[in-house]
C-alpha atoms as a PDB file:
ATOM      1  CA  MET A   1       0.000   0.000   0.000  1.00  0.00           C
ATOM      2  CA  ASN A   2       1.466   3.364  -0.970  1.00  0.00           C
ATOM      3  CA  GLN A   3       1.734   6.213   1.505  1.00  0.00           C
ATOM      4  CA  SER A   4      -1.334   8.180   0.334  1.00  0.00           C
ATOM      5  CA  ARG A   5      -3.587   5.086   0.365  1.00  0.00           C
ATOM      6  CA  ARG A   6      -2.294   4.066   3.779  1.00  0.00           C
ATOM      7  CA  TYR A   7      -2.873   7.612   5.087  1.00  0.00           C
ATOM      8  CA  SER A   8      -6.484   7.529   3.838  1.00  0.00           C
ATOM      9  CA  ALA A   9      -7.054   4.084   5.338  1.00  0.00           C
ATOM     10  CA  ASN A  10      -5.637   5.193   8.681  1.00  0.00           C
ATOM     11  CA  GLN A  11      -7.986   8.175   8.741  1.00  0.00           C
ATOM     12  CA  GLY A  12     -10.841   5.697   8.827  1.00  0.00           C
ATOM     13  CA  LEU A  13      -9.600   4.354  12.158  1.00  0.00           C
ATOM     14  CA  PHE A  14     -10.804   7.422  14.054  1.00  0.00           C
ATOM     15  CA  ASP A  15     -12.842  10.615  13.869  1.00  0.00           C
ATOM     16  CA  ARG A  16     -10.502  13.537  13.176  1.00  0.00           C
ATOM     17  CA  MET A  17     -12.951  15.983  14.748  1.00  0.00           C
ATOM     18  CA  GLN A  18     -13.202  14.099  18.039  1.00  0.00           C
ATOM     19  CA  GLU A  19     -10.944  14.549  21.043  1.00  0.00           C
ATOM     20  CA  TYR A  20      -9.851  11.226  22.509  1.00  0.00           C
ATOM     21  CA  ALA A  21      -8.681  10.361  25.998  1.00  0.00           C
ATOM     22  CA  LEU A  22      -4.892  10.090  26.021  1.00  0.00           C
ATOM     23  CA  VAL A  23      -4.775   6.312  26.516  1.00  0.00           C
ATOM     24  CA  ASP A  24      -7.321   5.754  23.729  1.00  0.00           C
ATOM     25  CA  GLY A  25      -5.549   8.151  21.384  1.00  0.00           C
ATOM     26  CA  ILE A  26      -2.247   6.355  21.895  1.00  0.00           C
ATOM     27  CA  GLU A  27      -3.807   2.977  21.144  1.00  0.00           C
ATOM     28  CA  LEU A  28      -5.236   4.435  17.919  1.00  0.00           C
ATOM     29  CA  ILE A  29      -1.984   6.066  16.861  1.00  0.00           C
ATOM     30  CA  LYS A  30      -0.148   2.760  17.348  1.00  0.00           C
ATOM     31  CA  LYS A  31      -2.652   1.074  15.024  1.00  0.00           C
ATOM     32  CA  ALA A  32      -2.219   3.859  12.463  1.00  0.00           C
ATOM     33  CA  ALA A  33       1.578   3.565  12.532  1.00  0.00           C
ATOM     34  CA  ASN A  34       1.733   0.691  10.065  1.00  0.00           C
ATOM     35  CA  ALA A  35       4.590   1.728   7.786  1.00  0.00           C
ATOM     36  CA  LYS A  36       7.431  -0.700   7.063  1.00  0.00           C
ATOM     37  CA  PHE A  37       9.672   1.050   9.595  1.00  0.00           C
ATOM     38  CA  ASP A  38       9.346   1.915  13.277  1.00  0.00           C
ATOM     39  CA  GLU A  39       7.566   5.264  13.029  1.00  0.00           C
ATOM     40  CA  SER A  40       8.265   8.063  15.488  1.00  0.00           C
ATOM     41  CA  ILE A  41       5.390   9.339  17.620  1.00  0.00           C
ATOM     42  CA  GLU A  42       5.183  13.120  17.833  1.00  0.00           C
ATOM     43  CA  LEU A  43       3.369  15.262  20.369  1.00  0.00           C
ATOM     44  CA  THR A  44       2.188  18.688  19.193  1.00  0.00           C
ATOM     45  CA  LEU A  45       1.141  21.294  21.751  1.00  0.00           C
ATOM     46  CA  ASN A  46      -0.538  24.542  20.710  1.00  0.00           C
ATOM     47  CA  LEU A  47       0.174  27.037  23.479  1.00  0.00           C
ATOM     48  CA  GLY A  48      -1.559  30.354  24.046  1.00  0.00           C
ATOM     49  CA  VAL A  49       1.708  32.268  24.183  1.00  0.00           C
ATOM     50  CA  ASP A  50       3.294  35.000  22.092  1.00  0.00           C
ATOM     51  CA  PRO A  51       6.993  34.085  21.650  1.00  0.00           C
ATOM     52  CA  LYS A  52       7.807  37.715  20.807  1.00  0.00           C
ATOM     53  CA  TYR A  53       7.774  38.315  24.569  1.00  0.00           C
ATOM     54  CA  ALA A  54      10.790  36.848  26.370  1.00  0.00           C
ATOM     55  CA  ASP A  55       8.778  35.351  29.232  1.00  0.00           C
ATOM     56  CA  GLN A  56       6.461  33.590  26.769  1.00  0.00           C
ATOM     57  CA  ASN A  57       9.202  32.095  24.582  1.00  0.00           C
ATOM     58  CA  ILE A  58       8.741  28.652  26.103  1.00  0.00           C
ATOM     59  CA  ARG A  59      11.873  26.502  26.009  1.00  0.00           C
ATOM     60  CA  GLY A  60      13.486  23.867  28.156  1.00  0.00           C
ATOM     61  CA  THR A  61      14.803  20.319  28.400  1.00  0.00           C
ATOM     62  CA  VAL A  62      13.332  17.041  29.558  1.00  0.00           C
ATOM     63  CA  ILE A  63      14.489  13.457  30.008  1.00  0.00           C
ATOM     64  CA  LEU A  64      11.553  11.286  29.004  1.00  0.00           C
ATOM     65  CA  PRO A  65      10.973   8.270  31.290  1.00  0.00           C
ATOM     66  CA  HIS A  66      11.535   5.838  28.411  1.00  0.00           C
ATOM     67  CA  GLY A  67      13.686   7.948  26.101  1.00  0.00           C
ATOM     68  CA  THR A  68      12.793   8.674  22.478  1.00  0.00           C
ATOM     69  CA  GLY A  69      13.824   5.319  21.011  1.00  0.00           C
ATOM     70  CA  LYS A  70      16.489   7.033  18.945  1.00  0.00           C
ATOM     71  CA  LYS A  71      20.185   6.258  19.234  1.00  0.00           C
ATOM     72  CA  VAL A  72      21.744   9.604  20.100  1.00  0.00           C
ATOM     73  CA  ARG A  73      25.175  10.477  18.683  1.00  0.00           C
ATOM     74  CA  VAL A  74      26.993  12.858  21.019  1.00  0.00           C
ATOM     75  CA  LEU A  75      29.855  15.210  20.148  1.00  0.00           C
ATOM     76  CA  VAL A  76      31.734  16.920  22.978  1.00  0.00           C
ATOM     77  CA  LEU A  77      33.866  19.903  22.029  1.00  0.00           C
ATOM     78  CA  THR A  78      36.550  20.100  24.686  1.00  0.00           C
ATOM     79  CA  GLN A  79      40.219  19.371  25.235  1.00  0.00           C
ATOM     80  CA  GLY A  80      42.660  17.593  27.536  1.00  0.00           C
ATOM     81  CA  ASP A  81      41.319  15.426  30.347  1.00  0.00           C
ATOM     82  CA  LYS A  82      37.737  16.523  29.650  1.00  0.00           C
ATOM     83  CA  ALA A  83      37.907  14.792  26.257  1.00  0.00           C
ATOM     84  CA  LYS A  84      38.933  11.548  27.972  1.00  0.00           C
ATOM     85  CA  GLU A  85      36.124  12.039  30.518  1.00  0.00           C
ATOM     86  CA  ALA A  86      33.610  12.514  27.706  1.00  0.00           C
ATOM     87  CA  GLU A  87      34.732   9.362  25.888  1.00  0.00           C
ATOM     88  CA  ALA A  88      34.603   7.351  29.118  1.00  0.00           C
ATOM     89  CA  ALA A  89      31.029   8.565  29.661  1.00  0.00           C
ATOM     90  CA  GLY A  90      29.989   7.275  26.231  1.00  0.00           C
ATOM     91  CA  ALA A  91      30.452  10.243  23.888  1.00  0.00           C
ATOM     92  CA  ASP A  92      30.736   9.200  20.256  1.00  0.00           C
ATOM     93  CA  TYR A  93      33.197  11.981  19.482  1.00  0.00           C
ATOM     94  CA  ALA A  94      35.326  14.202  21.710  1.00  0.00           C
ATOM     95  CA  GLY A  95      37.965  16.784  20.868  1.00  0.00           C
ATOM     96  CA  LEU A  96      38.252  20.319  19.608  1.00  0.00           C
ATOM     97  CA  GLU A  97      40.243  21.588  16.649  1.00  0.00           C
ATOM     98  CA  ASP A  98      39.766  18.551  14.402  1.00  0.00           C
ATOM     99  CA  TYR A  99      36.005  18.560  14.959  1.00  0.00           C
ATOM    100  CA  ILE A 100      35.688  22.309  14.482  1.00  0.00           C
ATOM    101  CA  ALA A 101      37.431  21.890  11.122  1.00  0.00           C
ATOM    102  CA  LYS A 102      35.135  18.997  10.200  1.00  0.00           C
ATOM    103  CA  ILE A 103      32.014  21.015  11.045  1.00  0.00           C
ATOM    104  CA  GLU A 104      33.313  23.952   9.033  1.00  0.00           C
ATOM    105  CA  GLY A 105      33.697  21.476   6.177  1.00  0.00           C
ATOM    106  CA  GLY A 106      30.057  20.391   6.416  1.00  0.00           C
ATOM    107  CA  TRP A 107      30.196  17.431   8.820  1.00  0.00           C
ATOM    108  CA  PHE A 108      27.116  17.036  11.032  1.00  0.00           C
ATOM    109  CA  ASP A 109      26.958  13.321  11.885  1.00  0.00           C
ATOM    110  CA  PHE A 110      25.838  13.939  15.467  1.00  0.00           C
ATOM    111  CA  ASP A 111      22.581  14.690  17.260  1.00  0.00           C
ATOM    112  CA  VAL A 112      23.781  16.566  20.353  1.00  0.00           C
ATOM    113  CA  CYS A 113      26.729  18.930  20.726  1.00  0.00           C
ATOM    114  CA  ILE A 114      28.127  19.593  24.198  1.00  0.00           C
ATOM    115  CA  ALA A 115      30.970  21.996  24.986  1.00  0.00           C
ATOM    116  CA  THR A 116      32.958  22.993  28.050  1.00  0.00           C
ATOM    117  CA  PRO A 117      32.971  26.719  28.937  1.00  0.00           C
ATOM    118  CA  ASP A 118      36.708  27.129  28.289  1.00  0.00           C
ATOM    119  CA  VAL A 119      36.362  26.363  24.556  1.00  0.00           C
ATOM    120  CA  MET A 120      33.289  28.452  23.784  1.00  0.00           C
ATOM    121  CA  ARG A 121      35.438  31.202  22.312  1.00  0.00           C
ATOM    122  CA  HIS A 122      36.413  28.687  19.615  1.00  0.00           C
ATOM    123  CA  VAL A 123      32.936  27.149  19.284  1.00  0.00           C
ATOM    124  CA  GLY A 124      31.390  30.601  18.822  1.00  0.00           C
ATOM    125  CA  LYS A 125      32.542  30.786  15.203  1.00  0.00           C
ATOM    126  CA  LEU A 126      30.358  27.745  14.484  1.00  0.00           C
ATOM    127  CA  GLY A 127      27.269  29.673  15.552  1.00  0.00           C
ATOM    128  CA  ARG A 128      25.675  29.897  12.126  1.00  0.00           C
ATOM    129  CA  ALA A 129      26.434  26.300  11.126  1.00  0.00           C
ATOM    130  CA  LEU A 130      25.255  24.784  14.417  1.00  0.00           C
ATOM    131  CA  GLY A 131      22.541  27.296  15.271  1.00  0.00           C
ATOM    132  CA  THR A 132      20.449  26.726  12.149  1.00  0.00           C
ATOM    133  CA  ARG A 133      20.386  23.004  12.978  1.00  0.00           C
ATOM    134  CA  GLY A 134      19.534  23.485  16.653  1.00  0.00           C
ATOM    135  CA  LEU A 135      22.918  22.054  17.661  1.00  0.00           C
ATOM    136  CA  MET A 136      24.657  25.085  19.176  1.00  0.00           C
ATOM    137  CA  PRO A 137      25.732  24.386  22.788  1.00  0.00           C
ATOM    138  CA  ASN A 138      23.808  26.540  25.249  1.00  0.00           C
ATOM    139  CA  PRO A 139      24.103  26.883  29.050  1.00  0.00           C
ATOM    140  CA  LYS A 140      20.288  27.051  29.323  1.00  0.00           C
ATOM    141  CA  THR A 141      19.947  23.531  27.931  1.00  0.00           C
ATOM    142  CA  GLY A 142      22.871  22.149  29.912  1.00  0.00           C
ATOM    143  CA  THR A 143      25.041  21.644  26.839  1.00  0.00           C
ATOM    144  CA  VAL A 144      27.678  24.148  27.957  1.00  0.00           C
ATOM    145  CA  THR A 145      29.014  22.630  31.148  1.00  0.00           C
ATOM    146  CA  LYS A 146      32.116  21.494  33.012  1.00  0.00           C
ATOM    147  CA  ASP A 147      30.327  18.289  34.037  1.00  0.00           C
ATOM    148  CA  VAL A 148      30.642  16.559  30.666  1.00  0.00           C
ATOM    149  CA  GLU A 149      30.118  13.116  32.188  1.00  0.00           C
ATOM    150  CA  GLN A 150      26.640  14.022  33.429  1.00  0.00           C
ATOM    151  CA  ALA A 151      25.767  15.884  30.216  1.00  0.00           C
ATOM    152  CA  VAL A 152      26.778  12.939  28.026  1.00  0.00           C
ATOM    153  CA  LYS A 153      24.837  10.440  30.136  1.00  0.00           C
ATOM    154  CA  GLU A 154      21.727  12.630  30.031  1.00  0.00           C
ATOM    155  CA  ALA A 155      21.993  13.033  26.266  1.00  0.00           C
ATOM    156  CA  LYS A 156      22.395   9.284  25.800  1.00  0.00           C
ATOM    157  CA  ALA A 157      19.393   8.708  28.076  1.00  0.00           C
ATOM    158  CA  GLY A 158      17.261  10.763  25.690  1.00  0.00           C
ATOM    159  CA  LYS A 159      17.400  14.264  27.137  1.00  0.00           C
ATOM    160  CA  ILE A 160      15.784  16.538  24.593  1.00  0.00           C
ATOM    161  CA  SER A 161      15.584  20.285  24.158  1.00  0.00           C
ATOM    162  CA  PHE A 162      12.378  21.960  23.051  1.00  0.00           C
ATOM    163  CA  ARG A 163      11.267  25.442  22.096  1.00  0.00           C
ATOM    164  CA  VAL A 164       8.039  26.912  20.744  1.00  0.00           C
ATOM    165  CA  ASP A 165       8.064  28.089  17.144  1.00  0.00           C
ATOM    166  CA  LYS A 166       6.978  31.600  16.176  1.00  0.00           C
ATOM    167  CA  TYR A 167       3.336  30.491  16.318  1.00  0.00           C
ATOM    168  CA  GLY A 168       3.584  29.230  19.900  1.00  0.00           C
ATOM    169  CA  ILE A 169       3.570  25.546  18.878  1.00  0.00           C
ATOM    170  CA  LEU A 170       5.775  22.783  20.278  1.00  0.00           C
ATOM    171  CA  HIS A 171       6.641  19.659  18.273  1.00  0.00           C
ATOM    172  CA  VAL A 172       8.365  16.912  20.278  1.00  0.00           C
ATOM    173  CA  VAL A 173       9.098  13.252  19.504  1.00  0.00           C
ATOM    174  CA  VAL A 174       7.932  11.194  22.484  1.00  0.00           C
ATOM    175  CA  GLY A 175       8.866   7.697  21.357  1.00  0.00           C
ATOM    176  CA  LYS A 176       8.419   5.058  18.703  1.00  0.00           C
ATOM    177  CA  ALA A 177       5.412   3.073  17.517  1.00  0.00           C
ATOM    178  CA  SER A 178       7.104  -0.049  18.922  1.00  0.00           C
ATOM    179  CA  PHE A 179       6.861   1.401  22.444  1.00  0.00           C
ATOM    180  CA  SER A 180       4.086   0.017  24.621  1.00  0.00           C
ATOM    181  CA  ALA A 181       1.012   2.189  25.124  1.00  0.00           C
ATOM    182  CA  GLU A 182       2.062   2.579  28.770  1.00  0.00           C
ATOM    183  CA  GLN A 183       5.545   3.805  27.822  1.00  0.00           C
ATOM    184  CA  LEU A 184       4.148   6.346  25.362  1.00  0.00           C
ATOM    185  CA  THR A 185       1.581   7.530  27.910  1.00  0.00           C
ATOM    186  CA  GLU A 186       4.269   8.061  30.543  1.00  0.00           C
ATOM    187  CA  ASN A 187       6.487   9.902  28.062  1.00  0.00           C
ATOM    188  CA  VAL A 188       3.650  12.206  26.975  1.00  0.00           C
ATOM    189  CA  ARG A 189       2.768  12.990  30.578  1.00  0.00           C
ATOM    190  CA  GLY A 190       6.434  13.579  31.416  1.00  0.00           C
ATOM    191  CA  MET A 191       6.723  16.068  28.573  1.00  0.00           C
ATOM    192  CA  LEU A 192       3.421  17.713  29.389  1.00  0.00           C
ATOM    193  CA  GLY A 193       4.298  18.073  33.063  1.00  0.00           C
ATOM    194  CA  THR A 194       7.534  19.863  32.166  1.00  0.00           C
ATOM    195  CA  VAL A 195       5.763  22.240  29.778  1.00  0.00           C
ATOM    196  CA  MET A 196       3.024  23.060  32.288  1.00  0.00           C
ATOM    197  CA  LYS A 197       5.649  24.077  34.871  1.00  0.00           C
ATOM    198  CA  LEU A 198       6.912  26.667  32.372  1.00  0.00           C
ATOM    199  CA  LYS A 199       3.579  28.507  32.168  1.00  0.00           C
ATOM    200  CA  PRO A 200       4.347  32.246  32.295  1.00  0.00           C
ATOM    201  CA  THR A 201       2.997  33.960  35.406  1.00  0.00           C
ATOM    202  CA  THR A 202       1.968  36.962  33.302  1.00  0.00           C
ATOM    203  CA  LEU A 203      -0.035  34.926  30.786  1.00  0.00           C
ATOM    204  CA  LYS A 204      -3.707  35.786  30.471  1.00  0.00           C
ATOM    205  CA  GLY A 205      -6.039  33.295  28.873  1.00  0.00           C
ATOM    206  CA  THR A 206      -5.593  29.600  28.095  1.00  0.00           C
ATOM    207  CA  TYR A 207      -2.053  28.219  28.229  1.00  0.00           C
ATOM    208  CA  LEU A 208      -2.555  24.751  26.721  1.00  0.00           C
ATOM    209  CA  LYS A 209      -4.982  25.303  23.854  1.00  0.00           C
ATOM    210  CA  LYS A 210      -4.741  22.096  21.820  1.00  0.00           C
ATOM    211  CA  MET A 211      -2.931  18.779  21.939  1.00  0.00           C
ATOM    212  CA  THR A 212      -2.350  16.316  19.102  1.00  0.00           C
ATOM    213  CA  ILE A 213      -0.358  13.125  18.613  1.00  0.00           C
ATOM    214  CA  SER A 214       0.703  11.671  15.289  1.00  0.00           C
ATOM    215  CA  SER A 215       3.060   9.132  13.762  1.00  0.00           C
ATOM    216  CA  THR A 216       5.645   9.825  11.061  1.00  0.00           C
ATOM    217  CA  GLN A 217       3.330   8.897   8.200  1.00  0.00           C
ATOM    218  CA  GLY A 218      -0.036   9.079   9.945  1.00  0.00           C
ATOM    219  CA  PRO A 219      -2.679  11.761  10.491  1.00  0.00           C
ATOM    220  CA  GLY A 220      -2.968  13.638  13.786  1.00  0.00           C
ATOM    221  CA  ILE A 221      -5.300  12.561  16.583  1.00  0.00           C
ATOM    222  CA  LYS A 222      -6.740  15.212  18.890  1.00  0.00           C
ATOM    223  CA  ILE A 223      -6.274  14.497  22.594  1.00  0.00           C
ATOM    224  CA  ASP A 224      -8.530  15.674  25.410  1.00  0.00           C
ATOM    225  CA  LYS A 225      -6.296  17.884  27.545  1.00  0.00           C
ATOM    226  CA  GLN A 226      -7.847  16.986  30.876  1.00  0.00           C
ATOM    227  CA  SER A 227      -7.282  13.271  30.316  1.00  0.00           C
ATOM    228  CA  ALA A 228      -3.605  13.931  29.646  1.00  0.00           C
ATOM    229  CA  LEU A 229      -3.155  16.203  32.662  1.00  0.00           C
ATOM    230  CA  ALA A 230      -4.911  13.839  35.051  1.00  0.00           C
END
């Protein structure tokens, strides 16, 4: 079955206008994720924020209870003993000058980039190359740190960074279709709990406006917010 026919068939599994309880929605999305590969499950949150205001530019990090199901390749930009510490902690790549040159040459075979504070003056020139891909180390996300061992272990455990787009929408992968419904439910609630703690104190009106889950090649399923927050 080609993608468009499968998409149409999957739409028949549920009512796109209805809001489903979280546990029911996850069961449905698992049924709809019937491609020939292990589809990712994405959570989309429409927030009632205006990212133009600093206190409403929602961003943060979270370690999902069951990870994302993705093998994370970690690069640590550092030098000396810290490079050895990073490798011992499980980093895929660790070093400085050679990797800076590789990145300048167009190499991006990594998912997370961590740097120690002492090398940021060198890493800064990679701002455009890394920034456009969401890979630039940042103290706010814990990717500029002296504790590279902890940072590497968290990245390998599935620590993810998130940030609303200009429309106030968050898109976050919360697992794979092969995850159990219980694992996906716990991951969604873990993500949601983190986002709810970031609600701006100055915000007037509804914070969490709409919630949807979808698979890589499947349509979105609306989720009843109260069932997810319970």
